[in-house]
Amino acid sequence: MSTQELINKEVEALPEPLQREVYDFARFLRLKSTGELQLGQEFESWEAASDQDWLKLERNTAEVE
């Protein structure tokens, strides 16, 4: 299996909020590698999305339990 296939398989098994974190991290790595990273703006948008996603994940987890 290729690296891309392995990544896809793992990401597909994650709940949506965690998939978003994987996407954010992959985007961060790409921007960092190309020198396009604007850390202040990226962090603020990531932090807002992450907070909302974690709240959803916590609610979903509580419903399952």
Protein backbone atom coordinates (compact mmCIF):
# COMPACT_ATOMS: atom_id res chain seq x y z
CA MET A 1 0.00 0.00 0.00
CA SER A 2 1.26 3.48 -0.81
CA THR A 3 1.76 6.13 1.85
CA GLN A 4 -1.22 8.05 0.45
CA GLU A 5 -3.43 4.97 0.74
CA LEU A 6 -2.30 4.33 4.32
CA ILE A 7 -3.04 7.94 5.28
CA ASN A 8 -6.46 7.83 3.61
CA LYS A 9 -7.35 4.60 5.41
CA GLU A 10 -6.46 6.02 8.81
CA VAL A 11 -8.17 9.36 8.23
CA GLU A 12 -11.38 7.74 6.98
CA ALA A 13 -11.65 5.87 10.30
CA LEU A 14 -11.56 9.10 12.33
CA PRO A 15 -14.59 11.18 13.36
CA GLU A 16 -15.09 14.41 11.39
CA PRO A 17 -13.52 16.76 13.99
CA LEU A 18 -10.33 14.72 14.03
CA GLN A 19 -10.28 14.55 10.23
CA ARG A 20 -10.32 18.36 10.29
CA GLU A 21 -7.29 18.37 12.58
CA VAL A 22 -5.42 16.07 10.20
CA TYR A 23 -6.31 18.40 7.32
CA ASP A 24 -5.16 21.45 9.30
CA PHE A 25 -1.86 19.75 10.16
CA ALA A 26 -1.24 18.64 6.57
CA ARG A 27 -1.96 22.18 5.36
CA PHE A 28 0.40 23.57 8.02
CA LEU A 29 3.19 21.25 6.84
CA ARG A 30 2.64 22.22 3.19
CA LEU A 31 2.67 25.95 3.95
CA LYS A 32 5.74 25.55 6.18
CA SER A 33 7.62 23.65 3.48
CA THR A 34 6.88 26.28 0.81
CA GLY A 35 7.63 29.26 3.06
CA GLU A 36 4.04 30.51 2.77
CA LEU A 37 3.23 30.08 6.45
CA GLN A 38 1.68 33.13 8.08
CA LEU A 39 1.62 31.78 11.59
CA GLY A 40 -0.59 34.40 13.24
CA GLN A 41 -3.47 34.10 10.77
CA GLU A 42 -3.16 30.32 10.44
CA PHE A 43 -3.18 29.79 14.18
CA GLU A 44 -6.22 32.00 14.75
CA SER A 45 -8.29 30.23 12.10
CA TRP A 46 -7.13 26.80 13.28
CA GLU A 47 -7.88 27.61 16.90
CA ALA A 48 -11.44 28.74 16.14
CA ALA A 49 -12.18 25.66 14.06
CA SER A 50 -10.53 23.36 16.55
CA ASP A 51 -12.56 24.67 19.50
CA GLN A 52 -15.83 24.13 17.65
CA ASP A 53 -14.78 20.67 16.49
CA TRP A 54 -13.72 19.56 19.97
CA LEU A 55 -17.07 20.66 21.39
CA LYS A 56 -18.85 18.56 18.76
CA LEU A 57 -16.59 15.60 19.49
CA GLU A 58 -17.20 15.89 23.24
CA ARG A 59 -20.98 16.02 22.68
CA ASN A 60 -20.89 13.02 20.37
CA THR A 61 -18.76 11.06 22.81
CA ALA A 62 -21.11 11.88 25.68
CA GLU A 63 -24.09 10.70 23.63
CA VAL A 64 -22.39 7.36 22.92
CA GLU A 65 -21.52 6.76 26.55
